[in-house]
Amino acid sequence: MRQDAVDAIDAIEPYRGGAGHTLWQLHALNIIDKHRLILTGYVELLGHSILPSQRKQMTAGYRGSYPGRTPPDFSNMSIMPRGGTRRLREGEILLTVPAAELEKQMNFVVGISFGEPQVLGGDSMVHTLERMAQSVELVLRKFADLGLLP
């Protein structure tokens, strides 16, 4: 490699804890991917539609706190359940809803993250991939500006 290319790479600091830490993460995931069938993923139920019994409790609580006032419409609200992040496995049950509580229009918000704590620390997959794409784009632009790309 030409010395100006070596200098450009060194300036990026593509190592753990360096200014180019994200590029190190991408490299580390690439190495892991070559030695395993699939990267480990983690999942977390971040929220779901409020169930009818929960809406009933919230409405009663509102009426108790604000007598004579009309309670707000709780039907479009979501609740954050307690459960935490867990390893993503086929058939994983994130939430059990009693049949009497099921409604036609229920919303669920699920967070998926890479399960490689030594590399990513549980960051969201979407956020991680966006950050990595931006880092690679910046490196390519910098190298193009330096005349290091064909």
N, C-alpha and C. Protein backbone atom coordinates (compact mmCIF):
# COMPACT_ATOMS: atom_id res chain seq x y z
N MET A 1 0.84 -1.18 0.00
CA MET A 1 0.00 0.00 0.00
C MET A 1 0.89 1.24 0.00
N ARG A 2 0.39 2.26 -0.67
CA ARG A 2 1.13 3.52 -0.67
C ARG A 2 1.10 4.14 0.73
N GLN A 3 2.12 4.92 1.05
CA GLN A 3 2.22 5.52 2.39
C GLN A 3 1.05 6.47 2.65
N ASP A 4 0.59 7.22 1.63
CA ASP A 4 -0.54 8.12 1.87
C ASP A 4 -1.80 7.35 2.22
N ALA A 5 -1.98 6.14 1.68
CA ALA A 5 -3.12 5.30 2.03
C ALA A 5 -2.99 4.79 3.47
N VAL A 6 -1.78 4.36 3.83
CA VAL A 6 -1.53 3.91 5.21
C VAL A 6 -1.80 5.05 6.19
N ASP A 7 -1.33 6.25 5.86
CA ASP A 7 -1.54 7.42 6.73
C ASP A 7 -3.02 7.74 6.86
N ALA A 8 -3.77 7.63 5.76
CA ALA A 8 -5.21 7.93 5.79
C ALA A 8 -5.94 6.92 6.68
N ILE A 9 -5.58 5.66 6.59
CA ILE A 9 -6.20 4.64 7.44
C ILE A 9 -5.84 4.87 8.90
N ASP A 10 -4.57 5.15 9.17
CA ASP A 10 -4.15 5.42 10.55
C ASP A 10 -4.88 6.63 11.14
N ALA A 11 -5.13 7.64 10.31
CA ALA A 11 -5.82 8.86 10.78
C ALA A 11 -7.26 8.58 11.20
N ILE A 12 -7.85 7.55 10.62
CA ILE A 12 -9.23 7.19 10.97
C ILE A 12 -9.30 6.54 12.36
N GLU A 13 -8.20 5.93 12.79
CA GLU A 13 -8.13 5.20 14.06
C GLU A 13 -9.19 4.09 14.13
N PRO A 14 -9.16 3.14 13.17
CA PRO A 14 -10.20 2.09 13.13
C PRO A 14 -9.94 0.95 14.11
N TYR A 15 -9.84 1.29 15.38
CA TYR A 15 -9.61 0.27 16.39
C TYR A 15 -10.50 0.52 17.60
N ARG A 16 -10.59 -0.47 18.45
CA ARG A 16 -11.45 -0.37 19.64
C ARG A 16 -11.07 0.86 20.45
N GLY A 17 -12.06 1.72 20.66
CA GLY A 17 -11.84 2.93 21.44
C GLY A 17 -11.28 4.10 20.64
N GLY A 18 -10.92 3.88 19.39
CA GLY A 18 -10.39 4.96 18.55
C GLY A 18 -11.50 5.79 17.96
N ALA A 19 -11.13 6.84 17.24
CA ALA A 19 -12.13 7.69 16.59
C ALA A 19 -12.95 6.88 15.59
N GLY A 20 -12.37 5.84 15.02
CA GLY A 20 -13.08 4.97 14.08
C GLY A 20 -13.59 3.69 14.73
N HIS A 21 -14.01 3.77 15.98
CA HIS A 21 -14.49 2.62 16.74
C HIS A 21 -15.59 1.86 15.99
N THR A 22 -16.48 2.58 15.32
CA THR A 22 -17.58 1.95 14.59
C THR A 22 -17.03 1.03 13.49
N LEU A 23 -15.94 1.44 12.84
CA LEU A 23 -15.34 0.58 11.82
C LEU A 23 -14.73 -0.67 12.45
N TRP A 24 -14.16 -0.53 13.65
CA TRP A 24 -13.66 -1.69 14.37
C TRP A 24 -14.82 -2.65 14.67
N GLN A 25 -15.98 -2.09 15.10
CA GLN A 25 -17.15 -2.93 15.39
C GLN A 25 -17.58 -3.70 14.14
N LEU A 26 -17.63 -3.02 13.02
CA LEU A 26 -18.00 -3.66 11.75
C LEU A 26 -17.03 -4.80 11.43
N HIS A 27 -15.75 -4.54 11.60
CA HIS A 27 -14.73 -5.57 11.36
C HIS A 27 -14.90 -6.75 12.32
N ALA A 28 -15.14 -6.46 13.59
CA ALA A 28 -15.30 -7.52 14.59
C ALA A 28 -16.53 -8.38 14.27
N LEU A 29 -17.63 -7.75 13.87
CA LEU A 29 -18.82 -8.52 13.49
C LEU A 29 -18.54 -9.38 12.26
N ASN A 30 -17.77 -8.85 11.34
CA ASN A 30 -17.41 -9.60 10.13
C ASN A 30 -16.62 -10.85 10.49
N ILE A 31 -15.71 -10.74 11.44
CA ILE A 31 -14.92 -11.89 11.87
C ILE A 31 -15.82 -12.92 12.57
N ILE A 32 -16.69 -12.45 13.46
CA ILE A 32 -17.61 -13.35 14.17
C ILE A 32 -18.48 -14.08 13.17
N ASP A 33 -19.00 -13.35 12.19
CA ASP A 33 -19.90 -13.92 11.19
C ASP A 33 -19.23 -15.06 10.41
N LYS A 34 -17.93 -14.98 10.21
CA LYS A 34 -17.22 -16.02 9.47
C LYS A 34 -17.03 -17.29 10.28
N HIS A 35 -17.12 -17.19 11.59
CA HIS A 35 -16.86 -18.33 12.45
C HIS A 35 -18.10 -18.93 13.09
N ARG A 36 -19.24 -18.35 12.78
CA ARG A 36 -20.51 -18.85 13.30
C ARG A 36 -21.53 -18.82 12.19
N LEU A 37 -22.59 -19.58 12.35
CA LEU A 37 -23.63 -19.61 11.34
C LEU A 37 -24.40 -18.29 11.29
N ILE A 38 -24.66 -17.70 12.44
CA ILE A 38 -25.45 -16.46 12.49
C ILE A 38 -25.05 -15.66 13.72
N LEU A 39 -25.15 -14.35 13.62
CA LEU A 39 -24.92 -13.50 14.78
C LEU A 39 -26.06 -13.68 15.78
N THR A 40 -25.73 -13.64 17.04
CA THR A 40 -26.75 -13.75 18.08
C THR A 40 -27.55 -12.46 18.13
N GLY A 41 -28.85 -12.60 18.26
CA GLY A 41 -29.72 -11.44 18.38
C GLY A 41 -30.43 -11.45 19.72
N TYR A 42 -30.78 -10.27 20.19
CA TYR A 42 -31.55 -10.13 21.41
C TYR A 42 -32.82 -9.36 21.08
N VAL A 43 -33.87 -9.65 21.82
CA VAL A 43 -35.17 -9.04 21.57
C VAL A 43 -35.73 -8.51 22.88
N GLU A 44 -36.49 -7.45 22.76
CA GLU A 44 -37.16 -6.87 23.93
C GLU A 44 -38.49 -6.30 23.49
N LEU A 45 -39.54 -6.64 24.21
CA LEU A 45 -40.85 -6.04 23.96
C LEU A 45 -40.82 -4.66 24.61
N LEU A 46 -40.82 -3.62 23.77
CA LEU A 46 -40.70 -2.25 24.28
C LEU A 46 -42.04 -1.64 24.66
N GLY A 47 -43.11 -2.14 24.06
CA GLY A 47 -44.42 -1.59 24.37
C GLY A 47 -45.51 -2.35 23.65
N HIS A 48 -46.73 -2.19 24.14
CA HIS A 48 -47.90 -2.77 23.48
C HIS A 48 -49.12 -1.94 23.80
N SER A 49 -50.16 -2.13 23.00
CA SER A 49 -51.41 -1.43 23.24
C SER A 49 -51.91 -1.72 24.65
N ILE A 50 -52.52 -0.74 25.24
CA ILE A 50 -53.11 -0.95 26.56
C ILE A 50 -54.28 -1.91 26.42
N LEU A 51 -54.30 -2.91 27.29
CA LEU A 51 -55.36 -3.91 27.26
C LEU A 51 -56.65 -3.33 27.83
N PRO A 52 -57.82 -3.89 27.47
CA PRO A 52 -59.10 -3.36 27.97
C PRO A 52 -59.15 -3.24 29.50
N SER A 53 -58.63 -4.23 30.22
CA SER A 53 -58.66 -4.15 31.69
C SER A 53 -57.77 -3.01 32.20
N GLN A 54 -56.66 -2.76 31.51
CA GLN A 54 -55.78 -1.66 31.90
C GLN A 54 -56.44 -0.30 31.62
N ARG A 55 -57.13 -0.21 30.49
CA ARG A 55 -57.86 1.03 30.18
C ARG A 55 -58.93 1.30 31.24
N LYS A 56 -59.61 0.24 31.63
CA LYS A 56 -60.67 0.36 32.65
C LYS A 56 -60.07 0.87 33.96
N GLN A 57 -58.92 0.33 34.36
CA GLN A 57 -58.25 0.78 35.59
C GLN A 57 -57.81 2.24 35.48
N MET A 58 -57.27 2.60 34.32
CA MET A 58 -56.80 3.98 34.13
C MET A 58 -57.97 4.95 34.13
N THR A 59 -59.08 4.56 33.52
CA THR A 59 -60.27 5.42 33.50
C THR A 59 -60.80 5.59 34.91
N ALA A 60 -60.86 4.51 35.67
CA ALA A 60 -61.34 4.61 37.07
C ALA A 60 -60.40 5.48 37.89
N GLY A 61 -59.12 5.33 37.71
CA GLY A 61 -58.15 6.15 38.43
C GLY A 61 -58.28 7.62 38.07
N TYR A 62 -58.51 7.90 36.80
CA TYR A 62 -58.69 9.29 36.35
C TYR A 62 -59.94 9.88 36.99
N ARG A 63 -61.03 9.13 36.96
CA ARG A 63 -62.29 9.63 37.54
C ARG A 63 -62.15 9.87 39.03
N GLY A 64 -61.34 9.01 39.69
CA GLY A 64 -61.11 9.19 41.12
C GLY A 64 -60.27 10.42 41.41
N SER A 65 -59.33 10.72 40.53
CA SER A 65 -58.45 11.87 40.73
C SER A 65 -59.06 13.18 40.24
N TYR A 66 -59.92 13.07 39.22
CA TYR A 66 -60.52 14.26 38.62
C TYR A 66 -62.03 14.07 38.48
N PRO A 67 -62.73 14.09 39.61
CA PRO A 67 -64.18 13.86 39.56
C PRO A 67 -64.88 14.91 38.67
N GLY A 68 -65.85 14.44 37.90
CA GLY A 68 -66.63 15.33 37.04
C GLY A 68 -65.99 15.59 35.68
N ARG A 69 -64.73 15.26 35.52
CA ARG A 69 -64.06 15.45 34.22
C ARG A 69 -64.19 14.19 33.37
N THR A 70 -64.21 14.40 32.07
CA THR A 70 -64.26 13.27 31.15
C THR A 70 -62.85 12.71 30.98
N PRO A 71 -62.69 11.41 31.19
CA PRO A 71 -61.35 10.83 31.06
C PRO A 71 -60.88 10.87 29.60
N PRO A 72 -59.59 10.94 29.41
CA PRO A 72 -59.08 10.91 28.04
C PRO A 72 -59.31 9.54 27.41
N ASP A 73 -59.16 9.48 26.10
CA ASP A 73 -59.29 8.22 25.37
C ASP A 73 -57.97 7.46 25.48
N PHE A 74 -57.99 6.41 26.25
CA PHE A 74 -56.78 5.62 26.47
C PHE A 74 -56.58 4.54 25.40
N SER A 75 -57.48 4.45 24.43
CA SER A 75 -57.44 3.34 23.47
C SER A 75 -56.23 3.36 22.55
N ASN A 76 -55.65 4.52 22.28
CA ASN A 76 -54.49 4.59 21.39
C ASN A 76 -53.16 4.66 22.13
N MET A 77 -53.20 4.46 23.43
CA MET A 77 -51.97 4.54 24.21
C MET A 77 -51.29 3.18 24.28
N SER A 78 -50.01 3.23 24.56
CA SER A 78 -49.23 2.00 24.74
C SER A 78 -48.66 1.97 26.14
N ILE A 79 -48.29 0.79 26.56
CA ILE A 79 -47.71 0.61 27.88
C ILE A 79 -46.37 -0.10 27.70
N MET A 80 -45.43 0.20 28.57
CA MET A 80 -44.12 -0.46 28.52
C MET A 80 -44.14 -1.59 29.54
N PRO A 81 -44.10 -2.82 29.07
CA PRO A 81 -44.11 -3.95 30.01
C PRO A 81 -42.75 -4.16 30.66
N ARG A 82 -42.75 -4.92 31.72
CA ARG A 82 -41.49 -5.30 32.36
C ARG A 82 -41.12 -6.67 31.82
N GLY A 83 -39.92 -6.82 31.43
CA GLY A 83 -39.52 -8.12 30.90
C GLY A 83 -38.06 -8.14 30.55
N GLY A 84 -37.58 -7.03 30.04
CA GLY A 84 -36.17 -6.94 29.73
C GLY A 84 -35.79 -7.60 28.42
N THR A 85 -34.52 -7.50 28.13
CA THR A 85 -33.96 -8.04 26.91
C THR A 85 -33.62 -9.51 27.11
N ARG A 86 -33.92 -10.31 26.11
CA ARG A 86 -33.56 -11.73 26.18
C ARG A 86 -33.08 -12.21 24.83
N ARG A 87 -32.40 -13.30 24.85
CA ARG A 87 -31.85 -13.90 23.62
C ARG A 87 -32.99 -14.25 22.67
N LEU A 88 -32.84 -13.91 21.42
CA LEU A 88 -33.86 -14.18 20.41
C LEU A 88 -33.77 -15.65 20.00
N ARG A 89 -34.84 -16.36 20.26
CA ARG A 89 -34.91 -17.78 19.92
C ARG A 89 -36.21 -18.05 19.19
N GLU A 90 -36.20 -19.03 18.32
CA GLU A 90 -37.42 -19.42 17.61
C GLU A 90 -38.47 -19.82 18.64
N GLY A 91 -39.67 -19.27 18.47
CA GLY A 91 -40.78 -19.58 19.37
C GLY A 91 -40.77 -18.82 20.67
N GLU A 92 -39.88 -17.85 20.81
CA GLU A 92 -39.79 -17.04 22.04
C GLU A 92 -41.12 -16.34 22.30
N ILE A 93 -41.62 -16.43 23.52
CA ILE A 93 -42.86 -15.76 23.90
C ILE A 93 -42.49 -14.46 24.60
N LEU A 94 -42.90 -13.36 24.01
CA LEU A 94 -42.58 -12.05 24.56
C LEU A 94 -43.70 -11.53 25.47
N LEU A 95 -44.92 -11.96 25.20
CA LEU A 95 -46.06 -11.48 25.98
C LEU A 95 -47.19 -12.47 25.83
N THR A 96 -47.86 -12.74 26.91
CA THR A 96 -49.06 -13.57 26.87
C THR A 96 -50.24 -12.68 27.21
N VAL A 97 -51.21 -12.65 26.33
CA VAL A 97 -52.41 -11.84 26.52
C VAL A 97 -53.59 -12.79 26.66
N PRO A 98 -54.35 -12.68 27.75
CA PRO A 98 -55.52 -13.54 27.91
C PRO A 98 -56.49 -13.33 26.74
N ALA A 99 -57.16 -14.39 26.32
CA ALA A 99 -58.09 -14.33 25.18
C ALA A 99 -59.13 -13.24 25.37
N ALA A 100 -59.59 -13.04 26.60
CA ALA A 100 -60.61 -12.02 26.87
C ALA A 100 -60.09 -10.60 26.65
N GLU A 101 -58.77 -10.42 26.62
CA GLU A 101 -58.16 -9.10 26.47
C GLU A 101 -57.78 -8.79 25.01
N LEU A 102 -57.88 -9.78 24.13
CA LEU A 102 -57.48 -9.57 22.74
C LEU A 102 -58.43 -8.63 22.02
N GLU A 103 -57.84 -7.78 21.19
CA GLU A 103 -58.62 -6.86 20.37
C GLU A 103 -58.11 -6.96 18.93
N LYS A 104 -58.94 -6.52 17.99
CA LYS A 104 -58.55 -6.61 16.58
C LYS A 104 -57.32 -5.78 16.27
N GLN A 105 -57.26 -4.58 16.78
CA GLN A 105 -56.16 -3.66 16.49
C GLN A 105 -55.27 -3.49 17.71
N MET A 106 -54.27 -4.35 17.80
CA MET A 106 -53.31 -4.23 18.89
C MET A 106 -51.95 -3.91 18.28
N ASN A 107 -51.20 -3.08 18.94
CA ASN A 107 -49.87 -2.70 18.46
C ASN A 107 -48.81 -3.22 19.42
N PHE A 108 -47.71 -3.65 18.83
CA PHE A 108 -46.58 -4.13 19.61
C PHE A 108 -45.31 -3.48 19.07
N VAL A 109 -44.45 -3.03 19.96
CA VAL A 109 -43.17 -2.44 19.56
C VAL A 109 -42.08 -3.36 20.11
N VAL A 110 -41.26 -3.87 19.18
CA VAL A 110 -40.23 -4.82 19.55
C VAL A 110 -38.87 -4.25 19.19
N GLY A 111 -37.94 -4.33 20.10
CA GLY A 111 -36.57 -3.90 19.84
C GLY A 111 -35.69 -5.12 19.59
N ILE A 112 -34.91 -5.06 18.52
CA ILE A 112 -33.98 -6.14 18.19
C ILE A 112 -32.57 -5.56 18.27
N SER A 113 -31.67 -6.27 18.91
CA SER A 113 -30.30 -5.79 19.01
C SER A 113 -29.33 -6.93 18.76
N PHE A 114 -28.11 -6.55 18.38
CA PHE A 114 -27.07 -7.55 18.23
C PHE A 114 -26.70 -8.07 19.61
N GLY A 115 -26.56 -9.36 19.72
CA GLY A 115 -26.19 -9.96 21.00
C GLY A 115 -24.70 -10.23 21.08
N GLU A 116 -23.92 -9.24 20.77
CA GLU A 116 -22.47 -9.36 20.82
C GLU A 116 -21.94 -8.29 21.76
N PRO A 117 -22.15 -8.45 23.08
CA PRO A 117 -21.79 -7.40 24.03
C PRO A 117 -20.33 -7.00 24.02
N GLN A 118 -19.44 -7.92 23.65
CA GLN A 118 -18.01 -7.58 23.60
C GLN A 118 -17.71 -6.64 22.45
N VAL A 119 -18.65 -6.51 21.49
CA VAL A 119 -18.45 -5.65 20.33
C VAL A 119 -19.40 -4.46 20.35
N LEU A 120 -20.68 -4.70 20.65
CA LEU A 120 -21.70 -3.66 20.48
C LEU A 120 -22.42 -3.25 21.76
N GLY A 121 -22.42 -4.04 22.76
CA GLY A 121 -23.07 -3.66 24.00
C GLY A 121 -24.58 -3.57 23.92
N GLY A 122 -25.22 -4.37 23.05
CA GLY A 122 -26.68 -4.42 23.00
C GLY A 122 -27.34 -3.27 22.28
N ASP A 123 -26.61 -2.54 21.44
CA ASP A 123 -27.21 -1.45 20.69
C ASP A 123 -28.25 -1.98 19.71
N SER A 124 -29.26 -1.17 19.43
CA SER A 124 -30.31 -1.51 18.47
C SER A 124 -29.70 -1.84 17.11
N MET A 125 -30.23 -2.89 16.46
CA MET A 125 -29.72 -3.26 15.13
C MET A 125 -29.88 -2.13 14.12
N VAL A 126 -31.03 -1.50 14.13
CA VAL A 126 -31.28 -0.42 13.16
C VAL A 126 -30.29 0.72 13.39
N HIS A 127 -30.16 1.16 14.62
CA HIS A 127 -29.25 2.25 14.95
C HIS A 127 -27.80 1.87 14.60
N THR A 128 -27.41 0.65 14.94
CA THR A 128 -26.05 0.18 14.67
C THR A 128 -25.76 0.16 13.18
N LEU A 129 -26.66 -0.40 12.39
CA LEU A 129 -26.44 -0.49 10.95
C LEU A 129 -26.43 0.89 10.29
N GLU A 130 -27.29 1.80 10.76
CA GLU A 130 -27.27 3.17 10.23
C GLU A 130 -25.93 3.85 10.53
N ARG A 131 -25.45 3.70 11.77
CA ARG A 131 -24.19 4.31 12.18
C ARG A 131 -23.02 3.73 11.38
N MET A 132 -23.04 2.43 11.16
CA MET A 132 -21.98 1.79 10.39
C MET A 132 -21.99 2.26 8.93
N ALA A 133 -23.16 2.35 8.35
CA ALA A 133 -23.27 2.82 6.96
C ALA A 133 -22.75 4.25 6.83
N GLN A 134 -23.07 5.11 7.80
CA GLN A 134 -22.59 6.49 7.77
C GLN A 134 -21.07 6.53 7.90
N SER A 135 -20.51 5.70 8.77
CA SER A 135 -19.06 5.68 8.95
C SER A 135 -18.34 5.25 7.69
N VAL A 136 -18.85 4.21 7.06
CA VAL A 136 -18.23 3.73 5.82
C VAL A 136 -18.32 4.79 4.73
N GLU A 137 -19.49 5.44 4.64
CA GLU A 137 -19.65 6.50 3.64
C GLU A 137 -18.66 7.64 3.87
N LEU A 138 -18.47 8.05 5.10
CA LEU A 138 -17.52 9.12 5.41
C LEU A 138 -16.09 8.73 5.04
N VAL A 139 -15.72 7.48 5.32
CA VAL A 139 -14.38 7.01 4.97
C VAL A 139 -14.20 7.03 3.45
N LEU A 140 -15.19 6.55 2.72
CA LEU A 140 -15.09 6.53 1.27
C LEU A 140 -14.98 7.94 0.69
N ARG A 141 -15.76 8.86 1.25
CA ARG A 141 -15.67 10.26 0.78
C ARG A 141 -14.29 10.84 1.06
N LYS A 142 -13.77 10.57 2.27
CA LYS A 142 -12.45 11.09 2.62
C LYS A 142 -11.38 10.51 1.71
N PHE A 143 -11.43 9.20 1.49
CA PHE A 143 -10.46 8.57 0.59
C PHE A 143 -10.58 9.10 -0.82
N ALA A 144 -11.81 9.34 -1.28
CA ALA A 144 -11.99 9.91 -2.64
C ALA A 144 -11.40 11.30 -2.71
N ASP A 145 -11.62 12.11 -1.66
CA ASP A 145 -11.06 13.47 -1.63
C ASP A 145 -9.52 13.44 -1.64
N LEU A 146 -8.93 12.42 -1.05
CA LEU A 146 -7.48 12.30 -1.00
C LEU A 146 -6.93 11.64 -2.27
N GLY A 147 -7.82 11.26 -3.19
CA GLY A 147 -7.39 10.62 -4.42
C GLY A 147 -6.94 9.18 -4.24
N LEU A 148 -7.43 8.53 -3.20
CA LEU A 148 -7.01 7.15 -2.92
C LEU A 148 -7.93 6.09 -3.54
N LEU A 149 -9.00 6.54 -4.17
CA LEU A 149 -9.92 5.60 -4.81
C LEU A 149 -9.80 5.73 -6.32
N PRO A 150 -9.97 4.62 -7.04
CA PRO A 150 -9.87 4.69 -8.50
C PRO A 150 -11.02 5.48 -9.11
